[in-house]
Amino acid sequence: MRSIIITGGAGFIGSHVVRLFVNKYPEYRIINLDKLTYAGNLENLKDVEDKPNYRFVRMDICDFDAFLRLMQEEHVDGIIHLAAESHVDRSIKDPFTFAQTNVMGTLSLLQAARIYWESLPEKYEGKRFYHISTDEVYGALEMTHPEGIEPPFTTTASSESHHLAYGDTFFTEDLKYQPHSPYSAAKASSDHFVRAFHDTYGMPTIVTNCSNNYGPYQFPEKLIPLFINNIRHRKPLPVYGKGENVRDWLYVEDHARAIDLIFHQGRVAETYNIGGFNEWKNIDIIRVLIRTVDRILGRKEDEDMDLITYVTDRAGHDLRYAIDSRKLQRELGWEPSLQFEEGIEKTVRWYLDHQQWMDRITSGEYERYYEDMYKGR
């Protein structure tokens, strides 16, 4: 039985990865390790919490001694590391927390894994440390085509839908890192530590850099769930600047599939970019959300467009991100499975159908519940 720790498994992307592994690999033991900070929510995993191959451990990834004991106790041979502080606005206000969690937390995991694995007779044979990072470490791309163009590559999933590129350049795996926010700087540093542990100690590591994810269970400080909820309740939709910033979007279950594939078949010491081949301006995403929510709720078309409110742009706001994930497509055969319009429709319907989940988060009820549950532990 393989024993795999998934850090940040109660979060948005992490919960989808945990669910996929628990259901797909009953012969694996999946340990979901999460500190249960504000973005961690075990309600995301109600459907697998009683599975015999699943265990939840509440732990801070910065707790080196506790993590080393867990490695030894569970005989861990694989780590999929998603735990991170990830909200750029929060990083601007509190960069120390981001450096502590994203850099020192990652280093704590790496060192514990190294000590445990090097103590075994087989050492690193059959082991893997997989670190999930972000496209933001690459900095920003120029937007040379404000109206959008057909990009030089396409996929089955997106070929029949909105599929535009807003420039001629894309993030590739060999690009120089140029982080512009405390969040991306912290993630860039953690990426370097992961690669250094391979080069120095021979640890079998892999790094992936992914574009913006969307889908069910995303914490509602992020654009898509926040705006779906605001549209539902007819609250203002605050848009940075003119809403011209461009992001590449990927449905979260497609990201989980990519993680599964790379963890099992990716080449050690490689970097893989994971993207949706799917660039959208923020303002266009917001208009799609308004039209979709209004249609599903039976409102008039464009009835809530006046909720859009333009606010002062964020400090250091990168203009454009765009992932080139052809390496992953070429080597492992992965590509997005959903057209964006289909993914947005599923996402909007999920949030509208799970208002109680949303209310428990926006009220803070879920945090109080976990504090009471783990008090004194």
Protein backbone atom coordinates (compact mmCIF):
# COMPACT_ATOMS: atom_id res chain seq x y z
CA MET A 1 0.00 0.00 0.00
CA ARG A 2 1.41 3.38 -0.99
CA SER A 3 1.12 6.04 1.68
CA ILE A 4 0.73 9.57 0.34
CA ILE A 5 0.46 12.86 2.20
CA ILE A 6 -1.49 15.62 0.46
CA THR A 7 -0.85 18.95 2.19
CA GLY A 8 -3.55 21.61 2.06
CA GLY A 9 -6.07 18.87 1.33
CA ALA A 10 -8.97 20.72 2.96
CA GLY A 11 -8.53 23.69 0.63
CA PHE A 12 -9.97 24.35 -2.80
CA ILE A 13 -7.60 22.51 -5.15
CA GLY A 14 -6.37 20.16 -2.44
CA SER A 15 -9.84 18.79 -1.66
CA HIS A 16 -10.35 17.89 -5.32
CA VAL A 17 -6.98 16.10 -5.39
CA VAL A 18 -7.76 14.22 -2.16
CA ARG A 19 -11.17 13.15 -3.46
CA LEU A 20 -9.69 11.95 -6.75
CA PHE A 21 -6.93 9.91 -5.08
CA VAL A 22 -9.16 8.42 -2.36
CA ASN A 23 -11.74 7.26 -4.89
CA LYS A 24 -9.40 6.23 -7.69
CA TYR A 25 -6.78 4.43 -5.62
CA PRO A 26 -8.43 2.38 -2.85
CA GLU A 27 -5.12 0.54 -2.45
CA TYR A 28 -3.40 3.81 -1.41
CA ARG A 29 -3.48 5.34 2.06
CA ILE A 30 -4.23 9.05 1.63
CA ILE A 31 -3.33 11.36 4.52
CA ASN A 32 -4.91 14.80 4.22
CA LEU A 33 -2.72 17.22 6.17
CA ASP A 34 -4.15 20.68 6.74
CA LYS A 35 -3.79 23.37 9.41
CA LEU A 36 -7.43 24.43 8.87
CA THR A 37 -6.70 28.11 8.52
CA TYR A 38 -9.47 30.32 7.14
CA ALA A 39 -9.36 28.67 3.69
CA GLY A 40 -9.40 25.07 4.93
CA ASN A 41 -12.80 23.43 5.26
CA LEU A 42 -13.42 19.75 5.93
CA GLU A 43 -16.97 20.14 4.63
CA ASN A 44 -15.30 20.03 1.20
CA LEU A 45 -14.61 16.33 1.80
CA LYS A 46 -17.77 15.06 3.50
CA ASP A 47 -18.21 12.47 0.76
CA VAL A 48 -14.88 10.70 1.48
CA GLU A 49 -14.30 11.29 5.19
CA ASP A 50 -15.45 7.77 6.12
CA LYS A 51 -13.47 5.93 3.45
CA PRO A 52 -11.10 3.31 4.93
CA ASN A 53 -8.09 4.61 2.97
CA TYR A 54 -8.49 8.23 4.13
CA ARG A 55 -7.07 9.95 7.21
CA PHE A 56 -7.18 13.62 8.19
CA VAL A 57 -4.38 15.15 10.27
CA ARG A 58 -4.58 18.72 11.52
CA MET A 59 -1.02 20.04 11.38
CA ASP A 60 1.01 23.12 10.51
CA ILE A 61 3.51 22.37 7.74
CA CYS A 62 6.02 24.51 9.64
CA ASP A 63 6.01 21.98 12.51
CA PHE A 64 9.07 20.02 11.43
CA ASP A 65 9.14 17.55 14.34
CA ALA A 66 5.46 16.64 14.03
CA PHE A 67 5.74 16.17 10.29
CA LEU A 68 8.81 13.94 10.60
CA ARG A 69 6.96 11.77 13.15
CA LEU A 70 4.01 11.51 10.77
CA MET A 71 6.32 10.44 7.93
CA GLN A 72 7.74 7.70 10.14
CA GLU A 73 4.38 6.63 11.55
CA GLU A 74 2.69 6.34 8.14
CA HIS A 75 5.74 5.13 6.20
CA VAL A 76 5.13 7.86 3.65
CA ASP A 77 6.57 7.41 0.18
CA GLY A 78 4.85 10.28 -1.62
CA ILE A 79 4.10 13.93 -0.83
CA ILE A 80 1.85 16.15 -2.92
CA HIS A 81 2.37 19.63 -1.54
CA LEU A 82 -0.43 22.13 -2.09
CA ALA A 83 -0.58 23.89 1.29
CA ALA A 84 0.11 27.60 0.82
CA GLU A 85 -1.09 31.09 1.51
CA SER A 86 -2.35 32.10 -1.92
CA HIS A 87 -4.30 35.36 -1.93
CA VAL A 88 -2.29 38.22 -3.42
CA ASP A 89 -4.20 40.96 -1.59
CA ARG A 90 -3.49 39.28 1.75
CA SER A 91 0.20 38.95 0.86
CA ILE A 92 0.46 42.69 0.24
CA LYS A 93 -0.91 43.38 3.74
CA ASP A 94 0.98 40.57 5.52
CA PRO A 95 4.09 39.37 3.63
CA PHE A 96 5.62 37.74 6.73
CA THR A 97 2.89 35.10 6.96
CA PHE A 98 3.36 34.23 3.28
CA ALA A 99 7.12 33.85 3.67
CA GLN A 100 6.69 31.73 6.81
CA THR A 101 4.11 29.35 5.34
CA ASN A 102 5.16 29.14 1.71
CA VAL A 103 8.95 29.19 2.15
CA MET A 104 9.73 27.86 5.63
CA GLY A 105 6.78 25.45 5.52
CA THR A 106 8.00 23.94 2.26
CA LEU A 107 11.55 23.73 3.61
CA SER A 108 10.25 21.94 6.72
CA LEU A 109 8.53 19.31 4.56
CA LEU A 110 11.58 18.84 2.35
CA GLN A 111 13.98 18.39 5.26
CA ALA A 112 11.68 15.95 7.07
CA ALA A 113 11.19 13.92 3.89
CA ARG A 114 14.93 13.87 3.26
CA ILE A 115 15.77 12.67 6.77
CA TYR A 116 13.13 9.95 6.73
CA TRP A 117 13.75 8.68 3.22
CA GLU A 118 17.53 8.66 3.63
CA SER A 119 17.09 6.52 6.77
CA LEU A 120 15.46 3.73 4.75
CA PRO A 121 17.39 0.85 3.14
CA GLU A 122 15.94 1.76 -0.28
CA LYS A 123 16.41 5.51 0.37
CA TYR A 124 14.75 7.46 -2.47
CA GLU A 125 13.66 4.50 -4.56
CA GLY A 126 9.91 4.73 -5.23
CA LYS A 127 9.63 8.10 -3.46
CA ARG A 128 8.36 11.40 -4.84
CA PHE A 129 8.02 14.98 -3.60
CA TYR A 130 5.59 16.87 -5.85
CA HIS A 131 5.35 20.63 -5.31
CA ILE A 132 2.43 22.60 -6.77
CA SER A 133 3.29 26.20 -7.64
CA THR A 134 1.74 29.05 -9.61
CA ASP A 135 2.15 30.80 -12.94
CA GLU A 136 2.63 34.07 -11.04
CA VAL A 137 6.31 33.25 -10.40
CA TYR A 138 7.02 34.09 -14.05
CA GLY A 139 5.94 37.71 -13.65
CA ALA A 140 3.75 39.27 -16.31
CA LEU A 141 3.35 39.12 -20.07
CA GLU A 142 2.71 42.01 -22.41
CA MET A 143 -0.73 42.36 -23.93
CA THR A 144 0.09 43.13 -27.55
CA HIS A 145 -3.35 42.26 -28.95
CA PRO A 146 -6.03 44.01 -26.84
CA GLU A 147 -8.84 42.50 -28.94
CA GLY A 148 -7.39 38.99 -28.87
CA ILE A 149 -6.08 36.68 -31.60
CA GLU A 150 -6.13 32.98 -32.35
CA PRO A 151 -3.13 31.55 -30.46
CA PRO A 152 -0.53 29.32 -32.13
CA PHE A 153 -1.85 26.25 -30.30
CA THR A 154 -5.23 24.86 -29.35
CA THR A 155 -6.87 21.91 -27.63
CA THR A 156 -9.93 19.79 -28.20
CA ALA A 157 -11.65 21.21 -25.14
CA SER A 158 -11.37 24.82 -26.16
CA SER A 159 -11.34 24.69 -29.95
CA GLU A 160 -15.08 25.33 -30.30
CA SER A 161 -15.42 28.02 -27.63
CA HIS A 162 -13.97 31.42 -26.78
CA HIS A 163 -10.29 30.84 -27.46
CA LEU A 164 -8.16 33.94 -27.72
CA ALA A 165 -4.65 35.01 -26.86
CA TYR A 166 -3.94 38.60 -25.93
CA GLY A 167 -0.27 38.50 -26.87
CA ASP A 168 2.42 36.60 -28.74
CA THR A 169 4.33 35.33 -25.70
CA PHE A 170 3.42 32.63 -23.16
CA PHE A 171 4.83 31.22 -19.93
CA THR A 172 7.08 28.25 -20.73
CA GLU A 173 8.97 26.05 -18.31
CA ASP A 174 12.37 27.59 -19.11
CA LEU A 175 11.38 31.22 -18.43
CA LYS A 176 13.30 33.25 -15.88
CA TYR A 177 11.40 33.86 -12.65
CA GLN A 178 10.24 37.45 -12.13
CA PRO A 179 7.73 37.50 -9.23
CA HIS A 180 6.01 40.84 -8.59
CA SER A 181 4.02 40.28 -5.38
CA PRO A 182 4.94 38.96 -1.92
CA TYR A 183 2.80 35.90 -2.71
CA SER A 184 4.57 35.05 -5.95
CA ALA A 185 7.98 35.85 -4.43
CA ALA A 186 7.30 33.37 -1.63
CA LYS A 187 6.17 30.70 -4.10
CA ALA A 188 9.23 31.33 -6.30
CA SER A 189 11.50 30.85 -3.30
CA SER A 190 9.79 27.58 -2.36
CA ASP A 191 10.19 26.35 -5.95
CA HIS A 192 13.93 27.02 -5.74
CA PHE A 193 14.21 25.05 -2.49
CA VAL A 194 12.43 22.06 -4.04
CA ARG A 195 14.81 22.02 -7.01
CA ALA A 196 17.81 22.53 -4.72
CA PHE A 197 16.89 19.44 -2.72
CA HIS A 198 17.01 17.40 -5.92
CA ASP A 199 20.31 18.88 -7.04
CA THR A 200 21.95 18.66 -3.59
CA TYR A 201 20.54 15.46 -2.11
CA GLY A 202 19.11 13.61 -5.10
CA MET A 203 15.55 13.84 -3.78
CA PRO A 204 13.05 12.87 -6.53
CA THR A 205 11.12 16.11 -6.93
CA ILE A 206 8.72 17.59 -9.48
CA VAL A 207 7.38 21.15 -9.74
CA THR A 208 4.28 22.27 -11.60
CA ASN A 209 3.12 25.82 -12.25
CA CYS A 210 -0.59 26.21 -12.87
CA SER A 211 -2.86 28.98 -14.09
CA ASN A 212 -5.99 30.30 -12.31
CA ASN A 213 -8.34 27.54 -11.18
CA TYR A 214 -12.11 27.77 -10.84
CA GLY A 215 -14.86 25.37 -9.81
CA PRO A 216 -16.70 24.04 -6.72
CA TYR A 217 -15.42 24.57 -3.16
CA GLN A 218 -13.28 27.64 -3.90
CA PHE A 219 -13.00 30.02 -0.95
CA PRO A 220 -15.23 33.02 -1.69
CA GLU A 221 -12.54 35.68 -1.48
CA LYS A 222 -11.56 34.67 -5.01
CA LEU A 223 -13.13 36.39 -8.00
CA ILE A 224 -15.51 33.77 -9.39
CA PRO A 225 -17.22 32.49 -6.20
CA LEU A 226 -17.22 35.99 -4.68
CA PHE A 227 -18.93 37.50 -7.70
CA ILE A 228 -21.44 34.66 -8.09
CA ASN A 229 -22.51 35.22 -4.49
CA ASN A 230 -22.59 39.01 -4.90
CA ILE A 231 -24.68 38.78 -8.06
CA ARG A 232 -27.12 36.47 -6.31
CA HIS A 233 -27.54 38.97 -3.47
CA ARG A 234 -27.24 42.03 -5.74
CA LYS A 235 -24.14 43.36 -4.02
CA PRO A 236 -21.49 45.49 -5.80
CA LEU A 237 -18.89 43.76 -7.98
CA PRO A 238 -15.59 45.58 -7.32
CA VAL A 239 -13.38 45.48 -10.42
CA TYR A 240 -9.72 46.54 -10.23
CA GLY A 241 -8.82 49.32 -12.67
CA LYS A 242 -10.71 48.86 -15.93
CA GLY A 243 -10.89 45.07 -15.66
CA GLU A 244 -8.41 44.68 -18.52
CA ASN A 245 -6.12 42.23 -16.71
CA VAL A 246 -5.96 38.86 -18.49
CA ARG A 247 -5.78 35.45 -16.84
CA ASP A 248 -5.67 31.88 -18.13
CA TRP A 249 -8.43 29.79 -16.50
CA LEU A 250 -8.56 26.05 -15.80
CA TYR A 251 -11.39 23.98 -14.31
CA VAL A 252 -10.15 22.57 -11.00
CA GLU A 253 -10.96 18.93 -11.79
CA ASP A 254 -8.76 19.16 -14.88
CA HIS A 255 -5.94 20.39 -12.65
CA ALA A 256 -6.50 17.44 -10.29
CA ARG A 257 -6.30 15.04 -13.25
CA ALA A 258 -3.03 16.65 -14.30
CA ILE A 259 -1.61 16.29 -10.78
CA ASP A 260 -2.56 12.61 -10.75
CA LEU A 261 -0.90 12.04 -14.12
CA ILE A 262 2.28 13.95 -13.29
CA PHE A 263 2.65 12.36 -9.84
CA HIS A 264 2.59 8.90 -11.41
CA GLN A 265 4.21 9.45 -14.80
CA GLY A 266 6.07 12.76 -14.75
CA ARG A 267 9.84 12.79 -15.04
CA VAL A 268 11.81 13.46 -11.86
CA ALA A 269 13.42 16.91 -11.61
CA GLU A 270 11.16 18.26 -14.36
CA THR A 271 8.87 21.27 -14.35
CA TYR A 272 5.48 21.10 -16.07
CA ASN A 273 3.20 24.04 -16.78
CA ILE A 274 -0.54 23.35 -16.45
CA GLY A 275 -2.92 25.75 -18.18
CA GLY A 276 -6.32 25.99 -19.73
CA PHE A 277 -5.32 27.52 -23.10
CA ASN A 278 -8.08 29.87 -22.07
CA GLU A 279 -7.38 33.59 -21.68
CA TRP A 280 -10.07 35.97 -20.48
CA LYS A 281 -10.07 39.60 -19.44
CA ASN A 282 -11.44 40.02 -15.94
CA ILE A 283 -14.26 42.29 -17.14
CA ASP A 284 -15.35 39.71 -19.73
CA ILE A 285 -15.37 36.94 -17.08
CA ILE A 286 -17.57 39.14 -14.89
CA ARG A 287 -20.04 39.79 -17.71
CA VAL A 288 -20.28 36.04 -18.38
CA LEU A 289 -20.94 35.43 -14.68
CA ILE A 290 -23.68 38.07 -14.57
CA ARG A 291 -25.43 36.68 -17.64
CA THR A 292 -25.15 33.09 -16.38
CA VAL A 293 -26.40 33.82 -12.86
CA ASP A 294 -29.25 36.03 -14.12
CA ARG A 295 -30.34 33.38 -16.64
CA ILE A 296 -30.33 30.57 -14.07
CA LEU A 297 -32.20 32.70 -11.53
CA GLY A 298 -34.78 33.74 -14.12
CA ARG A 299 -33.81 37.41 -14.16
CA LYS A 300 -33.80 39.65 -17.20
CA GLU A 301 -30.78 39.48 -19.47
CA ASP A 302 -28.00 41.83 -18.29
CA GLU A 303 -30.24 42.94 -15.42
CA ASP A 304 -27.35 43.09 -12.97
CA MET A 305 -24.67 44.69 -15.15
CA ASP A 306 -25.02 47.85 -13.08
CA LEU A 307 -23.50 45.99 -10.11
CA ILE A 308 -20.07 46.41 -11.72
CA THR A 309 -18.09 48.97 -9.70
CA TYR A 310 -14.60 50.05 -10.78
CA VAL A 311 -12.12 50.51 -7.92
CA THR A 312 -8.48 51.60 -7.61
CA ASP A 313 -6.15 49.04 -9.11
CA ARG A 314 -4.16 46.70 -6.88
CA ALA A 315 -0.50 47.52 -6.25
CA GLY A 316 1.79 45.65 -8.67
CA HIS A 317 -1.16 44.14 -10.53
CA ASP A 318 0.27 42.01 -13.37
CA LEU A 319 -1.43 42.66 -16.69
CA ARG A 320 -1.43 39.23 -18.34
CA TYR A 321 -0.73 35.59 -17.50
CA ALA A 322 -0.85 32.90 -20.18
CA ILE A 323 0.43 29.33 -19.79
CA ASP A 324 1.89 27.23 -22.59
CA SER A 325 1.29 23.66 -21.38
CA ARG A 326 2.27 21.91 -24.60
CA LYS A 327 5.12 20.10 -22.83
CA LEU A 328 2.60 18.34 -20.58
CA GLN A 329 0.37 17.67 -23.55
CA ARG A 330 3.25 16.29 -25.60
CA GLU A 331 4.88 14.11 -22.91
CA LEU A 332 1.88 12.82 -20.96
CA GLY A 333 -1.09 13.43 -23.24
CA TRP A 334 -2.96 15.75 -20.86
CA GLU A 335 -5.27 18.52 -22.01
CA PRO A 336 -8.30 20.30 -20.51
CA SER A 337 -11.50 18.29 -20.77
CA LEU A 338 -14.03 21.12 -20.50
CA GLN A 339 -14.81 24.10 -22.65
CA PHE A 340 -14.80 27.20 -20.50
CA GLU A 341 -18.50 27.92 -21.01
CA GLU A 342 -19.35 24.41 -19.83
CA GLY A 343 -17.10 24.76 -16.80
CA ILE A 344 -18.57 28.13 -15.84
CA GLU A 345 -22.11 26.78 -16.17
CA LYS A 346 -21.27 23.88 -13.84
CA THR A 347 -19.51 26.21 -11.42
CA VAL A 348 -22.31 28.77 -11.21
CA ARG A 349 -24.95 26.08 -10.70
CA TRP A 350 -22.87 24.46 -7.95
CA TYR A 351 -22.57 27.68 -5.94
CA LEU A 352 -26.23 28.55 -6.41
CA ASP A 353 -27.18 25.05 -5.28
CA HIS A 354 -24.89 25.17 -2.23
CA GLN A 355 -25.93 28.41 -0.57
CA GLN A 356 -25.67 26.83 2.89
CA TRP A 357 -22.00 25.98 2.26
CA MET A 358 -21.42 29.57 1.17
CA ASP A 359 -23.32 31.03 4.14
CA ARG A 360 -21.32 28.98 6.66
CA ILE A 361 -18.10 30.35 5.18
CA THR A 362 -19.12 33.99 4.79
CA SER A 363 -20.50 34.01 8.35
CA GLY A 364 -17.34 32.40 9.81
CA GLU A 365 -19.43 29.60 11.33
CA TYR A 366 -17.19 26.87 9.91
CA GLU A 367 -14.06 28.40 11.53
CA ARG A 368 -15.70 28.54 14.96
CA TYR A 369 -16.79 24.92 14.55
CA TYR A 370 -13.23 23.70 13.93
CA GLU A 371 -11.78 25.83 16.70
CA ASP A 372 -14.21 24.22 19.14
CA MET A 373 -13.55 20.75 17.72
CA TYR A 374 -9.74 20.97 18.05
CA LYS A 375 -9.53 23.13 21.17
CA GLY A 376 -6.79 21.87 23.44
CA ARG A 377 -5.30 19.47 20.90
